[in-house]
C-alpha atoms as a PDB file:
ATOM      1  CA  UNK A   1     154.828 129.426 142.788  1.00  0.00           C
ATOM      2  CA  UNK A   2     158.616 129.292 142.370  1.00  0.00           C
ATOM      3  CA  UNK A   3     159.426 128.846 138.710  1.00  0.00           C
ATOM      4  CA  UNK A   4     155.778 128.500 137.714  1.00  0.00           C
ATOM      5  CA  UNK A   5     154.673 130.084 134.434  1.00  0.00           C
ATOM      6  CA  UNK A   6     151.206 131.658 134.541  1.00  0.00           C
ATOM      7  CA  UNK A   7     149.090 132.170 131.438  1.00  0.00           C
ATOM      8  CA  UNK A   8     147.391 135.565 131.535  1.00  0.00           C
ATOM      9  CA  UNK A   9     144.526 136.507 129.218  1.00  0.00           C
ATOM     10  CA  UNK A  10     143.300 140.059 128.839  1.00  0.00           C
ATOM     11  CA  UNK A  11     141.657 142.692 126.697  1.00  0.00           C
ATOM     12  CA  UNK A  12     143.245 146.131 126.216  1.00  0.00           C
ATOM     13  CA  UNK A  13     141.450 148.516 128.577  1.00  0.00           C
ATOM     14  CA  UNK A  14     143.647 151.574 128.965  1.00  0.00           C
ATOM     15  CA  UNK A  15     144.824 152.598 131.522  1.00  0.00           C
ATOM     16  CA  UNK A  16     144.317 149.215 133.228  1.00  0.00           C
ATOM     17  CA  UNK A  17     145.904 147.201 130.435  1.00  0.00           C
ATOM     18  CA  UNK A  18     147.715 148.375 127.324  1.00  0.00           C
ATOM     19  CA  UNK A  19     149.240 146.124 124.667  1.00  0.00           C
ATOM     20  CA  UNK A  20     151.156 146.235 121.398  1.00  0.00           C
ATOM     21  CA  UNK A  21     150.394 143.683 118.681  1.00  0.00           C
ATOM     22  CA  UNK A  22     153.152 142.727 116.228  1.00  0.00           C
ATOM     23  CA  UNK A  23     152.304 140.609 113.207  1.00  0.00           C
ATOM     24  CA  UNK A  24     154.844 137.817 112.685  1.00  0.00           C
ATOM     25  CA  UNK A  25     155.018 134.847 110.348  1.00  0.00           C
ATOM     26  CA  UNK A  26     153.899 132.594 113.187  1.00  0.00           C
ATOM     27  CA  UNK A  27     150.962 134.886 113.938  1.00  0.00           C
ATOM     28  CA  UNK A  28     150.287 137.976 116.062  1.00  0.00           C
ATOM     29  CA  UNK A  29     152.722 138.557 118.918  1.00  0.00           C
ATOM     30  CA  UNK A  30     151.262 140.459 121.884  1.00  0.00           C
ATOM     31  CA  UNK A  31     153.372 142.493 124.300  1.00  0.00           C
ATOM     32  CA  UNK A  32     152.058 144.188 127.432  1.00  0.00           C
ATOM     33  CA  UNK A  33     152.970 147.864 127.575  1.00  0.00           C
ATOM     34  CA  UNK A  34     153.364 149.982 130.674  1.00  0.00           C
ATOM     35  CA  UNK A  35     149.995 150.019 132.434  1.00  0.00           C
ATOM     36  CA  UNK A  36     148.456 149.386 135.828  1.00  0.00           C
ATOM     37  CA  UNK A  37     148.016 145.635 135.326  1.00  0.00           C
ATOM     38  CA  UNK A  38     151.558 145.158 133.981  1.00  0.00           C
ATOM     39  CA  UNK A  39     153.061 146.918 136.977  1.00  0.00           C
ATOM     40  CA  UNK A  40     151.019 144.736 139.320  1.00  0.00           C
ATOM     41  CA  UNK A  41     152.113 141.580 137.474  1.00  0.00           C
ATOM     42  CA  UNK A  42     155.766 142.625 137.488  1.00  0.00           C
ATOM     43  CA  UNK A  43     155.613 143.329 141.223  1.00  0.00           C
ATOM     44  CA  UNK A  44     153.878 140.016 142.010  1.00  0.00           C
ATOM     45  CA  UNK A  45     156.204 137.983 139.756  1.00  0.00           C
ATOM     46  CA  UNK A  46     159.284 139.441 141.422  1.00  0.00           C
ATOM     47  CA  UNK A  47     157.839 138.844 144.890  1.00  0.00           C
ATOM     48  CA  UNK A  48     156.671 135.251 144.310  1.00  0.00           C
ATOM     49  CA  UNK A  49     159.292 134.229 141.724  1.00  0.00           C
ATOM     50  CA  UNK A  50     157.070 133.277 138.788  1.00  0.00           C
ATOM     51  CA  UNK A  51     156.901 134.269 135.136  1.00  0.00           C
ATOM     52  CA  UNK A  52     153.864 135.002 133.027  1.00  0.00           C
ATOM     53  CA  UNK A  53     152.746 134.794 129.431  1.00  0.00           C
ATOM     54  CA  UNK A  54     150.139 137.250 128.154  1.00  0.00           C
ATOM     55  CA  UNK A  55     147.658 136.482 125.368  1.00  0.00           C
ATOM     56  CA  UNK A  56     144.474 137.966 123.954  1.00  0.00           C
ATOM     57  CA  UNK A  57     141.232 135.972 123.828  1.00  0.00           C
ATOM     58  CA  UNK A  58     140.374 134.819 120.318  1.00  0.00           C
ATOM     59  CA  UNK A  59     137.314 137.056 120.084  1.00  0.00           C
ATOM     60  CA  UNK A  60     138.945 139.931 122.037  1.00  0.00           C
ATOM     61  CA  UNK A  61     135.944 140.120 124.373  1.00  0.00           C
ATOM     62  CA  UNK A  62     135.535 140.310 128.131  1.00  0.00           C
ATOM     63  CA  UNK A  63     133.035 137.477 128.123  1.00  0.00           C
ATOM     64  CA  UNK A  64     129.283 136.930 128.109  1.00  0.00           C
ATOM     65  CA  UNK A  65     127.321 133.698 128.662  1.00  0.00           C
ATOM     66  CA  UNK A  66     125.998 131.619 125.766  1.00  0.00           C
ATOM     67  CA  UNK A  67     122.816 129.549 125.655  1.00  0.00           C
ATOM     68  CA  UNK A  68     124.785 126.288 125.917  1.00  0.00           C
ATOM     69  CA  UNK A  69     126.420 127.386 129.188  1.00  0.00           C
ATOM     70  CA  UNK A  70     129.794 128.300 127.710  1.00  0.00           C
ATOM     71  CA  UNK A  71     131.327 131.757 127.889  1.00  0.00           C
ATOM     72  CA  UNK A  72     133.072 133.933 125.335  1.00  0.00           C
ATOM     73  CA  UNK A  73     136.182 136.062 125.726  1.00  0.00           C
ATOM     74  CA  UNK A  74     138.396 136.138 128.787  1.00  0.00           C
ATOM     75  CA  UNK A  75     135.878 134.243 130.925  1.00  0.00           C
ATOM     76  CA  UNK A  76     135.703 131.485 128.316  1.00  0.00           C
ATOM     77  CA  UNK A  77     139.498 131.172 128.327  1.00  0.00           C
ATOM     78  CA  UNK A  78     139.424 130.499 132.078  1.00  0.00           C
ATOM     79  CA  UNK A  79     136.458 128.139 131.700  1.00  0.00           C
ATOM     80  CA  UNK A  80     138.235 126.024 129.070  1.00  0.00           C
ATOM     81  CA  UNK A  81     141.552 125.991 130.924  1.00  0.00           C
ATOM     82  CA  UNK A  82     143.370 128.004 128.256  1.00  0.00           C
ATOM     83  CA  UNK A  83     144.475 130.625 130.795  1.00  0.00           C
ATOM     84  CA  UNK A  84     145.158 130.750 134.526  1.00  0.00           C
ATOM     85  CA  UNK A  85     144.177 134.359 135.196  1.00  0.00           C
ATOM     86  CA  UNK A  86     142.679 137.423 133.563  1.00  0.00           C
ATOM     87  CA  UNK A  87     143.688 141.031 133.753  1.00  0.00           C
ATOM     88  CA  UNK A  88     141.145 143.693 134.774  1.00  0.00           C
ATOM     89  CA  UNK A  89     137.587 142.422 134.353  1.00  0.00           C
ATOM     90  CA  UNK A  90     134.335 143.488 135.979  1.00  0.00           C
ATOM     91  CA  UNK A  91     132.662 141.177 138.442  1.00  0.00           C
ATOM     92  CA  UNK A  92     129.132 139.760 138.290  1.00  0.00           C
ATOM     93  CA  UNK A  93     127.353 136.685 139.741  1.00  0.00           C
ATOM     94  CA  UNK A  94     127.590 134.674 136.512  1.00  0.00           C
ATOM     95  CA  UNK A  95     131.331 135.103 136.200  1.00  0.00           C
ATOM     96  CA  UNK A  96     131.795 134.137 139.839  1.00  0.00           C
ATOM     97  CA  UNK A  97     130.636 130.642 138.914  1.00  0.00           C
ATOM     98  CA  UNK A  98     133.523 130.314 136.433  1.00  0.00           C
ATOM     99  CA  UNK A  99     136.465 131.720 138.347  1.00  0.00           C
ATOM    100  CA  UNK A 100     137.519 133.075 141.724  1.00  0.00           C
ATOM    101  CA  UNK A 101     137.607 136.830 141.857  1.00  0.00           C
ATOM    102  CA  UNK A 102     140.313 138.920 143.488  1.00  0.00           C
ATOM    103  CA  UNK A 103     139.714 142.064 145.454  1.00  0.00           C
ATOM    104  CA  UNK A 104     138.436 144.878 143.284  1.00  0.00           C
ATOM    105  CA  UNK A 105     141.137 147.497 142.880  1.00  0.00           C
ATOM    106  CA  UNK A 106     139.426 150.011 140.593  1.00  0.00           C
ATOM    107  CA  UNK A 107     135.850 151.028 139.775  1.00  0.00           C
ATOM    108  CA  UNK A 108     134.760 152.544 136.465  1.00  0.00           C
ATOM    109  CA  UNK A 109     131.353 154.230 136.216  1.00  0.00           C
ATOM    110  CA  UNK A 110     129.506 154.205 132.925  1.00  0.00           C
ATOM    111  CA  UNK A 111     129.071 157.713 131.559  1.00  0.00           C
ATOM    112  CA  UNK A 112     126.501 159.123 129.150  1.00  0.00           C
ATOM    113  CA  UNK A 113     128.298 161.257 126.557  1.00  0.00           C
ATOM    114  CA  UNK A 114     126.031 163.729 124.763  1.00  0.00           C
ATOM    115  CA  UNK A 115     126.214 167.072 122.956  1.00  0.00           C
ATOM    116  CA  UNK A 116     127.004 169.957 125.255  1.00  0.00           C
ATOM    117  CA  UNK A 117     123.976 172.005 126.340  1.00  0.00           C
ATOM    118  CA  UNK A 118     123.252 174.631 123.711  1.00  0.00           C
ATOM    119  CA  UNK A 119     121.645 178.046 123.931  1.00  0.00           C
ATOM    120  CA  UNK A 120     117.946 177.885 123.204  1.00  0.00           C
ATOM    121  CA  UNK A 121     116.931 179.128 119.772  1.00  0.00           C
ATOM    122  CA  UNK A 122     115.903 182.787 119.739  1.00  0.00           C
ATOM    123  CA  UNK A 123     112.307 182.184 118.727  1.00  0.00           C
ATOM    124  CA  UNK A 124     111.882 179.885 121.727  1.00  0.00           C
ATOM    125  CA  UNK A 125     113.021 182.617 124.128  1.00  0.00           C
ATOM    126  CA  UNK A 126     109.715 184.414 123.486  1.00  0.00           C
ATOM    127  CA  UNK A 127     107.893 181.553 125.196  1.00  0.00           C
ATOM    128  CA  UNK A 128     110.327 181.072 128.089  1.00  0.00           C
ATOM    129  CA  UNK A 129     108.956 183.745 130.492  1.00  0.00           C
ATOM    130  CA  UNK A 130     105.837 181.639 131.192  1.00  0.00           C
ATOM    131  CA  UNK A 131     105.477 177.921 131.716  1.00  0.00           C
ATOM    132  CA  UNK A 132     103.241 175.802 129.519  1.00  0.00           C
ATOM    133  CA  UNK A 133     100.470 175.821 132.129  1.00  0.00           C
ATOM    134  CA  UNK A 134     100.513 179.610 132.398  1.00  0.00           C
ATOM    135  CA  UNK A 135     100.303 179.975 128.614  1.00  0.00           C
ATOM    136  CA  UNK A 136      97.354 177.566 128.569  1.00  0.00           C
ATOM    137  CA  UNK A 137      95.517 179.490 131.309  1.00  0.00           C
ATOM    138  CA  UNK A 138      96.239 182.748 129.510  1.00  0.00           C
ATOM    139  CA  UNK A 139      94.808 181.477 126.224  1.00  0.00           C
ATOM    140  CA  UNK A 140      91.689 180.181 127.964  1.00  0.00           C
ATOM    141  CA  UNK A 141      91.277 183.536 129.724  1.00  0.00           C
ATOM    142  CA  UNK A 142      91.480 185.448 126.431  1.00  0.00           C
ATOM    143  CA  UNK A 143      88.876 183.208 124.800  1.00  0.00           C
ATOM    144  CA  UNK A 144      86.578 183.180 127.831  1.00  0.00           C
ATOM    145  CA  UNK A 145      86.740 186.943 128.321  1.00  0.00           C
ATOM    146  CA  UNK A 146      86.062 187.520 124.630  1.00  0.00           C
ATOM    147  CA  UNK A 147      82.960 185.298 124.674  1.00  0.00           C
ATOM    148  CA  UNK A 148      81.564 186.931 127.837  1.00  0.00           C
ATOM    149  CA  UNK A 149      82.318 190.383 126.451  1.00  0.00           C
ATOM    150  CA  UNK A 150      80.481 189.485 123.253  1.00  0.00           C
ATOM    151  CA  UNK A 151      77.432 188.402 125.274  1.00  0.00           C
ATOM    152  CA  UNK A 152      77.439 191.727 127.110  1.00  0.00           C
ATOM    153  CA  UNK A 153      77.590 193.596 123.812  1.00  0.00           C
ATOM    154  CA  UNK A 154      74.870 191.461 122.299  1.00  0.00           C
ATOM    155  CA  UNK A 155      72.577 192.476 125.136  1.00  0.00           C
ATOM    156  CA  UNK A 156      73.568 196.123 124.770  1.00  0.00           C
ATOM    157  CA  UNK A 157      71.603 198.614 122.698  1.00  0.00           C
ATOM    158  CA  UNK A 158      74.606 200.188 121.006  1.00  0.00           C
ATOM    159  CA  UNK A 159      78.363 199.902 120.654  1.00  0.00           C
ATOM    160  CA  UNK A 160      79.622 202.628 118.348  1.00  0.00           C
ATOM    161  CA  UNK A 161      76.750 201.875 116.042  1.00  0.00           C
ATOM    162  CA  UNK A 162      77.109 198.101 115.656  1.00  0.00           C
ATOM    163  CA  UNK A 163      77.238 194.821 117.542  1.00  0.00           C
ATOM    164  CA  UNK A 164      80.433 192.751 117.711  1.00  0.00           C
ATOM    165  CA  UNK A 165      80.767 189.272 116.282  1.00  0.00           C
ATOM    166  CA  UNK A 166      82.306 186.549 118.499  1.00  0.00           C
ATOM    167  CA  UNK A 167      85.562 186.708 116.510  1.00  0.00           C
ATOM    168  CA  UNK A 168      85.765 190.475 116.919  1.00  0.00           C
ATOM    169  CA  UNK A 169      85.211 190.163 120.670  1.00  0.00           C
ATOM    170  CA  UNK A 170      88.037 187.648 121.023  1.00  0.00           C
ATOM    171  CA  UNK A 171      90.370 189.832 118.930  1.00  0.00           C
ATOM    172  CA  UNK A 172      89.328 192.788 121.095  1.00  0.00           C
ATOM    173  CA  UNK A 173      90.404 190.803 124.164  1.00  0.00           C
ATOM    174  CA  UNK A 174      93.699 189.839 122.530  1.00  0.00           C
ATOM    175  CA  UNK A 175      94.498 193.397 121.400  1.00  0.00           C
ATOM    176  CA  UNK A 176      94.225 194.625 124.988  1.00  0.00           C
ATOM    177  CA  UNK A 177      96.567 191.882 126.170  1.00  0.00           C
ATOM    178  CA  UNK A 178      99.264 192.842 123.642  1.00  0.00           C
ATOM    179  CA  UNK A 179      98.914 196.524 124.623  1.00  0.00           C
ATOM    180  CA  UNK A 180      97.237 197.643 121.393  1.00  0.00           C
ATOM    181  CA  UNK A 181      93.613 198.256 122.431  1.00  0.00           C
ATOM    182  CA  UNK A 182      91.138 199.588 119.843  1.00  0.00           C
ATOM    183  CA  UNK A 183      89.941 203.182 120.042  1.00  0.00           C
ATOM    184  CA  UNK A 184      86.276 202.220 120.513  1.00  0.00           C
ATOM    185  CA  UNK A 185      84.929 201.378 123.972  1.00  0.00           C
ATOM    186  CA  UNK A 186      81.668 199.794 125.099  1.00  0.00           C
ATOM    187  CA  UNK A 187      78.765 202.053 125.953  1.00  0.00           C
ATOM    188  CA  UNK A 188      77.111 200.079 128.769  1.00  0.00           C
ATOM    189  CA  UNK A 189      78.380 200.219 132.337  1.00  0.00           C
ATOM    190  CA  UNK A 190      78.661 196.441 132.841  1.00  0.00           C
ATOM    191  CA  UNK A 191      80.876 196.026 129.780  1.00  0.00           C
ATOM    192  CA  UNK A 192      83.001 199.015 130.847  1.00  0.00           C
ATOM    193  CA  UNK A 193      83.585 197.500 134.305  1.00  0.00           C
ATOM    194  CA  UNK A 194      84.467 194.193 132.711  1.00  0.00           C
ATOM    195  CA  UNK A 195      86.875 195.971 130.388  1.00  0.00           C
ATOM    196  CA  UNK A 196      88.494 197.793 133.322  1.00  0.00           C
ATOM    197  CA  UNK A 197      89.202 194.599 135.238  1.00  0.00           C
ATOM    198  CA  UNK A 198      90.582 192.987 132.093  1.00  0.00           C
ATOM    199  CA  UNK A 199      92.882 195.980 131.570  1.00  0.00           C
ATOM    200  CA  UNK A 200      94.251 195.597 135.114  1.00  0.00           C
ATOM    201  CA  UNK A 201      94.800 191.870 134.599  1.00  0.00           C
ATOM    202  CA  UNK A 202      96.560 192.493 131.272  1.00  0.00           C
ATOM    203  CA  UNK A 203      98.829 195.130 132.824  1.00  0.00           C
ATOM    204  CA  UNK A 204      99.894 192.653 135.522  1.00  0.00           C
ATOM    205  CA  UNK A 205     100.491 189.857 133.009  1.00  0.00           C
ATOM    206  CA  UNK A 206     102.432 191.996 130.518  1.00  0.00           C
ATOM    207  CA  UNK A 207     104.576 193.486 133.292  1.00  0.00           C
ATOM    208  CA  UNK A 208     105.459 190.016 134.570  1.00  0.00           C
ATOM    209  CA  UNK A 209     106.145 188.799 131.032  1.00  0.00           C
ATOM    210  CA  UNK A 210     108.371 191.744 130.089  1.00  0.00           C
ATOM    211  CA  UNK A 211     110.486 191.530 133.247  1.00  0.00           C
ATOM    212  CA  UNK A 212     110.917 187.764 132.853  1.00  0.00           C
ATOM    213  CA  UNK A 213     111.781 188.143 129.162  1.00  0.00           C
ATOM    214  CA  UNK A 214     114.487 190.691 129.952  1.00  0.00           C
ATOM    215  CA  UNK A 215     116.064 188.340 132.492  1.00  0.00           C
ATOM    216  CA  UNK A 216     116.013 185.444 130.009  1.00  0.00           C
ATOM    217  CA  UNK A 217     117.606 187.599 127.306  1.00  0.00           C
ATOM    218  CA  UNK A 218     120.271 188.853 129.728  1.00  0.00           C
ATOM    219  CA  UNK A 219     121.223 185.371 130.958  1.00  0.00           C
ATOM    220  CA  UNK A 220     120.239 183.042 128.143  1.00  0.00           C
ATOM    221  CA  UNK A 221     118.931 179.606 129.071  1.00  0.00           C
ATOM    222  CA  UNK A 222     120.614 176.472 127.768  1.00  0.00           C
ATOM    223  CA  UNK A 223     119.125 173.100 126.973  1.00  0.00           C
ATOM    224  CA  UNK A 224     119.046 170.655 129.890  1.00  0.00           C
ATOM    225  CA  UNK A 225     122.176 168.467 130.209  1.00  0.00           C
ATOM    226  CA  UNK A 226     121.776 164.687 130.010  1.00  0.00           C
ATOM    227  CA  UNK A 227     122.878 163.094 133.278  1.00  0.00           C
ATOM    228  CA  UNK A 228     120.615 160.087 133.786  1.00  0.00           C
ATOM    229  CA  UNK A 229     118.593 157.389 132.058  1.00  0.00           C
ATOM    230  CA  UNK A 230     115.423 159.375 132.699  1.00  0.00           C
ATOM    231  CA  UNK A 231     116.880 162.345 130.829  1.00  0.00           C
ATOM    232  CA  UNK A 232     117.297 160.139 127.747  1.00  0.00           C
ATOM    233  CA  UNK A 233     113.694 158.985 127.899  1.00  0.00           C
ATOM    234  CA  UNK A 234     112.310 162.511 128.114  1.00  0.00           C
ATOM    235  CA  UNK A 235     113.986 163.698 124.904  1.00  0.00           C
ATOM    236  CA  UNK A 236     111.921 163.361 121.703  1.00  0.00           C
ATOM    237  CA  UNK A 237     113.497 161.518 118.750  1.00  0.00           C
ATOM    238  CA  UNK A 238     116.666 160.826 120.752  1.00  0.00           C
ATOM    239  CA  UNK A 239     118.875 157.797 120.100  1.00  0.00           C
ATOM    240  CA  UNK A 240     121.638 156.158 122.109  1.00  0.00           C
ATOM    241  CA  UNK A 241     124.309 153.524 121.688  1.00  0.00           C
ATOM    242  CA  UNK A 242     126.632 151.321 123.737  1.00  0.00           C
ATOM    243  CA  UNK A 243     130.343 151.351 122.922  1.00  0.00           C
ATOM    244  CA  UNK A 244     131.355 148.131 121.135  1.00  0.00           C
ATOM    245  CA  UNK A 245     133.650 146.741 123.832  1.00  0.00           C
ATOM    246  CA  UNK A 246     130.962 147.091 126.483  1.00  0.00           C
ATOM    247  CA  UNK A 247     128.526 145.104 124.326  1.00  0.00           C
ATOM    248  CA  UNK A 248     130.450 141.973 125.367  1.00  0.00           C
ATOM    249  CA  UNK A 249     130.840 142.947 128.997  1.00  0.00           C
ATOM    250  CA  UNK A 250     128.989 142.892 132.285  1.00  0.00           C
ATOM    251  CA  UNK A 251     127.387 146.241 131.401  1.00  0.00           C
ATOM    252  CA  UNK A 252     125.479 144.641 128.541  1.00  0.00           C
ATOM    253  CA  UNK A 253     124.421 141.738 130.762  1.00  0.00           C
ATOM    254  CA  UNK A 254     123.289 144.145 133.478  1.00  0.00           C
ATOM    255  CA  UNK A 255     121.152 146.159 131.072  1.00  0.00           C
ATOM    256  CA  UNK A 256     119.728 143.044 129.436  1.00  0.00           C
ATOM    257  CA  UNK A 257     118.652 141.429 132.703  1.00  0.00           C
ATOM    258  CA  UNK A 258     117.476 144.589 134.483  1.00  0.00           C
ATOM    259  CA  UNK A 259     113.786 144.567 135.439  1.00  0.00           C
ATOM    260  CA  UNK A 260     113.239 148.327 135.621  1.00  0.00           C
ATOM    261  CA  UNK A 261     110.794 149.432 132.852  1.00  0.00           C
ATOM    262  CA  UNK A 262     112.958 152.423 131.927  1.00  0.00           C
ATOM    263  CA  UNK A 263     116.060 150.254 131.581  1.00  0.00           C
ATOM    264  CA  UNK A 264     114.128 147.715 129.515  1.00  0.00           C
ATOM    265  CA  UNK A 265     113.060 150.472 127.125  1.00  0.00           C
ATOM    266  CA  UNK A 266     116.619 151.789 126.874  1.00  0.00           C
ATOM    267  CA  UNK A 267     117.943 148.296 126.141  1.00  0.00           C
ATOM    268  CA  UNK A 268     115.314 147.614 123.427  1.00  0.00           C
ATOM    269  CA  UNK A 269     116.389 150.738 121.537  1.00  0.00           C
ATOM    270  CA  UNK A 270     120.108 150.323 122.219  1.00  0.00           C
ATOM    271  CA  UNK A 271     122.562 150.506 119.315  1.00  0.00           C
ATOM    272  CA  UNK A 272     126.042 148.965 119.346  1.00  0.00           C
ATOM    273  CA  UNK A 273     128.567 151.447 117.935  1.00  0.00           C
ATOM    274  CA  UNK A 274     132.303 152.004 117.972  1.00  0.00           C
ATOM    275  CA  UNK A 275     133.617 154.894 120.007  1.00  0.00           C
ATOM    276  CA  UNK A 276     134.625 156.802 116.864  1.00  0.00           C
ATOM    277  CA  UNK A 277     131.217 156.432 115.205  1.00  0.00           C
ATOM    278  CA  UNK A 278     129.446 157.254 118.451  1.00  0.00           C
ATOM    279  CA  UNK A 279     131.359 160.515 118.873  1.00  0.00           C
ATOM    280  CA  UNK A 280     130.561 161.476 115.273  1.00  0.00           C
ATOM    281  CA  UNK A 281     126.856 160.819 115.821  1.00  0.00           C
ATOM    282  CA  UNK A 282     126.922 162.981 118.947  1.00  0.00           C
ATOM    283  CA  UNK A 283     128.233 165.920 116.914  1.00  0.00           C
ATOM    284  CA  UNK A 284     125.380 165.430 114.444  1.00  0.00           C
ATOM    285  CA  UNK A 285     122.929 165.879 117.320  1.00  0.00           C
ATOM    286  CA  UNK A 286     120.189 163.828 118.922  1.00  0.00           C
ATOM    287  CA  UNK A 287     122.515 161.060 120.117  1.00  0.00           C
ATOM    288  CA  UNK A 288     124.199 159.815 123.308  1.00  0.00           C
ATOM    289  CA  UNK A 289     126.953 157.237 123.830  1.00  0.00           C
ATOM    290  CA  UNK A 290     127.287 154.945 126.860  1.00  0.00           C
ATOM    291  CA  UNK A 291     130.954 154.293 127.606  1.00  0.00           C
ATOM    292  CA  UNK A 292     133.446 153.935 130.459  1.00  0.00           C
ATOM    293  CA  UNK A 293     133.972 157.307 132.073  1.00  0.00           C
ATOM    294  CA  UNK A 294     137.789 157.139 132.529  1.00  0.00           C
ATOM    295  CA  UNK A 295     138.269 156.022 128.916  1.00  0.00           C
ATOM    296  CA  UNK A 296     136.155 158.719 127.286  1.00  0.00           C
ATOM    297  CA  UNK A 297     137.557 161.344 129.644  1.00  0.00           C
ATOM    298  CA  UNK A 298     141.074 160.601 128.375  1.00  0.00           C
ATOM    299  CA  UNK A 299     140.006 160.429 124.724  1.00  0.00           C
ATOM    300  CA  UNK A 300     138.161 163.746 124.797  1.00  0.00           C
ATOM    301  CA  UNK A 301     140.969 165.488 126.683  1.00  0.00           C
ATOM    302  CA  UNK A 302     143.615 164.108 124.299  1.00  0.00           C
ATOM    303  CA  UNK A 303     141.965 164.405 120.883  1.00  0.00           C
ATOM    304  CA  UNK A 304     138.864 166.601 121.053  1.00  0.00           C
ATOM    305  CA  UNK A 305     139.866 169.530 123.272  1.00  0.00           C
ATOM    306  CA  UNK A 306     141.400 172.763 121.951  1.00  0.00           C
ATOM    307  CA  UNK A 307     144.088 174.916 123.549  1.00  0.00           C
ATOM    308  CA  UNK A 308     141.460 176.807 125.546  1.00  0.00           C
ATOM    309  CA  UNK A 309     140.081 173.614 127.067  1.00  0.00           C
ATOM    310  CA  UNK A 310     136.895 173.619 124.994  1.00  0.00           C
ATOM    311  CA  UNK A 311     135.259 170.525 123.538  1.00  0.00           C
ATOM    312  CA  UNK A 312     131.798 169.781 122.092  1.00  0.00           C
ATOM    313  CA  UNK A 313     130.957 166.883 124.416  1.00  0.00           C
ATOM    314  CA  UNK A 314     129.165 166.674 127.744  1.00  0.00           C
ATOM    315  CA  UNK A 315     129.974 163.748 130.058  1.00  0.00           C
ATOM    316  CA  UNK A 316     127.111 162.973 132.403  1.00  0.00           C
ATOM    317  CA  UNK A 317     127.715 160.624 135.316  1.00  0.00           C
ATOM    318  CA  UNK A 318     125.260 161.856 137.951  1.00  0.00           C
ATOM    319  CA  UNK A 319     122.589 159.370 138.909  1.00  0.00           C
ATOM    320  CA  UNK A 320     124.190 156.418 137.150  1.00  0.00           C
ATOM    321  CA  UNK A 321     123.787 152.982 138.732  1.00  0.00           C
ATOM    322  CA  UNK A 322     126.237 151.016 136.559  1.00  0.00           C
ATOM    323  CA  UNK A 323     129.727 150.912 138.024  1.00  0.00           C
ATOM    324  CA  UNK A 324     132.170 148.198 137.020  1.00  0.00           C
ATOM    325  CA  UNK A 325     134.386 146.957 139.867  1.00  0.00           C
ATOM    326  CA  UNK A 326     137.560 145.635 138.258  1.00  0.00           C
ATOM    327  CA  UNK A 327     139.673 142.820 139.647  1.00  0.00           C
ATOM    328  CA  UNK A 328     141.293 139.690 138.236  1.00  0.00           C
ATOM    329  CA  UNK A 329     139.526 136.429 137.568  1.00  0.00           C
ATOM    330  CA  UNK A 330     141.628 133.414 138.517  1.00  0.00           C
ATOM    331  CA  UNK A 331     141.251 129.658 138.269  1.00  0.00           C
ATOM    332  CA  UNK A 332     140.973 127.846 141.607  1.00  0.00           C
ATOM    333  CA  UNK A 333     144.451 126.305 141.277  1.00  0.00           C
ATOM    334  CA  UNK A 334     146.085 129.711 141.068  1.00  0.00           C
ATOM    335  CA  UNK A 335     144.055 131.082 143.963  1.00  0.00           C
ATOM    336  CA  UNK A 336     145.142 128.200 146.197  1.00  0.00           C
ATOM    337  CA  UNK A 337     148.728 129.414 145.868  1.00  0.00           C
ATOM    338  CA  UNK A 338     147.641 132.829 147.210  1.00  0.00           C
ATOM    339  CA  UNK A 339     149.615 134.830 144.702  1.00  0.00           C
ATOM    340  CA  UNK A 340     146.889 137.463 144.658  1.00  0.00           C
ATOM    341  CA  UNK A 341     144.119 137.533 147.212  1.00  0.00           C
END
C-alpha cells in the first residue's frame, strides 16, 4: 500500500461521515470534515502509508439494485470500478455480491418518530372507567331488564293507575342506573323484587364507575405511544413515511422484500419524505417518520428542544427489527492488501 492512492466514495451520514461541498469553476469540490470515518481513514493512511481521495456518488445514494443487475449510488461506484472503497454503508446479501465487506463497527436502529402521547380529551374520560366490553354488557343489561320489567307490569293489574310502554320501562331501568329513579314503584311483589335486585346491581356498578372515574381524573391517561409496526397498524387514519436517504438504502430493500403481512401493508402505504417535511407532518398529527435513530436524536436535541428539555416528538425504538450494521465496502483488490479487515 506504500504510496498508493485510494478512491473513497461516500454519502454524508453524520456522525459517521460529514462533508463540505464547495462549488468551483471545475465543479463541486468535496472535503471530508471531522467525523468517525475521516478519523479512521487518517489513522489507516498514516499506518499503511497511503493517501486517499474522497468523492460523492453521482446520485448521492447508498445504492439499490436495478432490474438490469446494476446498482446505484456507492455500491454502483464500486461495481463500475470508479471507487476502491466506500465509507459507512449498511450490509445486506445483495451488496455482498458486489464488494467485500469489512467488520461492522457501528449499528444504527431505525426509529419511529411520532407525536408525543397526549392527554385524552375530556369527553373521552367519561368512558375510560369501563372497557368497551363492560359498556356493551351494561347496555344489554339495561335493555333486557327494561323489557322483562315491562312484561311483569303488563301482567300486573295496576301500576299507579296505568301500564308502562316498552320505552317507559327501558327509561325506568336507565333512570335507576344513573341514580335518578322515578317516584312511582310497582305494585306487585315480583316486580318489586326484580326492582330491588336491579337497585343493588346499579349501586355496585355506579360505585365502581365513580371510584374509577376519580382515579382517571386524578392521574389522567395519555394516548398510547407508538413503539412498533403493530402500533402503526392499529391507529385509524394514520400515515407514515420513510426519510428520503433511507429510500435508497438497505432499509428500503428490507421492507420491500419482507414477507410478513404487516410489513407488506406498511410498505404499500409508505411515503418517501424529507426529514424536514416529515417532522412538520408529525406536528400536524396522525403521522410517523421512519429514520435512523442516532440522526433524529441529534436533530431533535439540537433544533427542536427548549431550555427545559421539552420537545414535541416521541422516538420509539422498542420492538424494531431493522438495524443497519455499518462497515466499509471494498473492492477485492483493496481487501487483498489487508488495509482494513
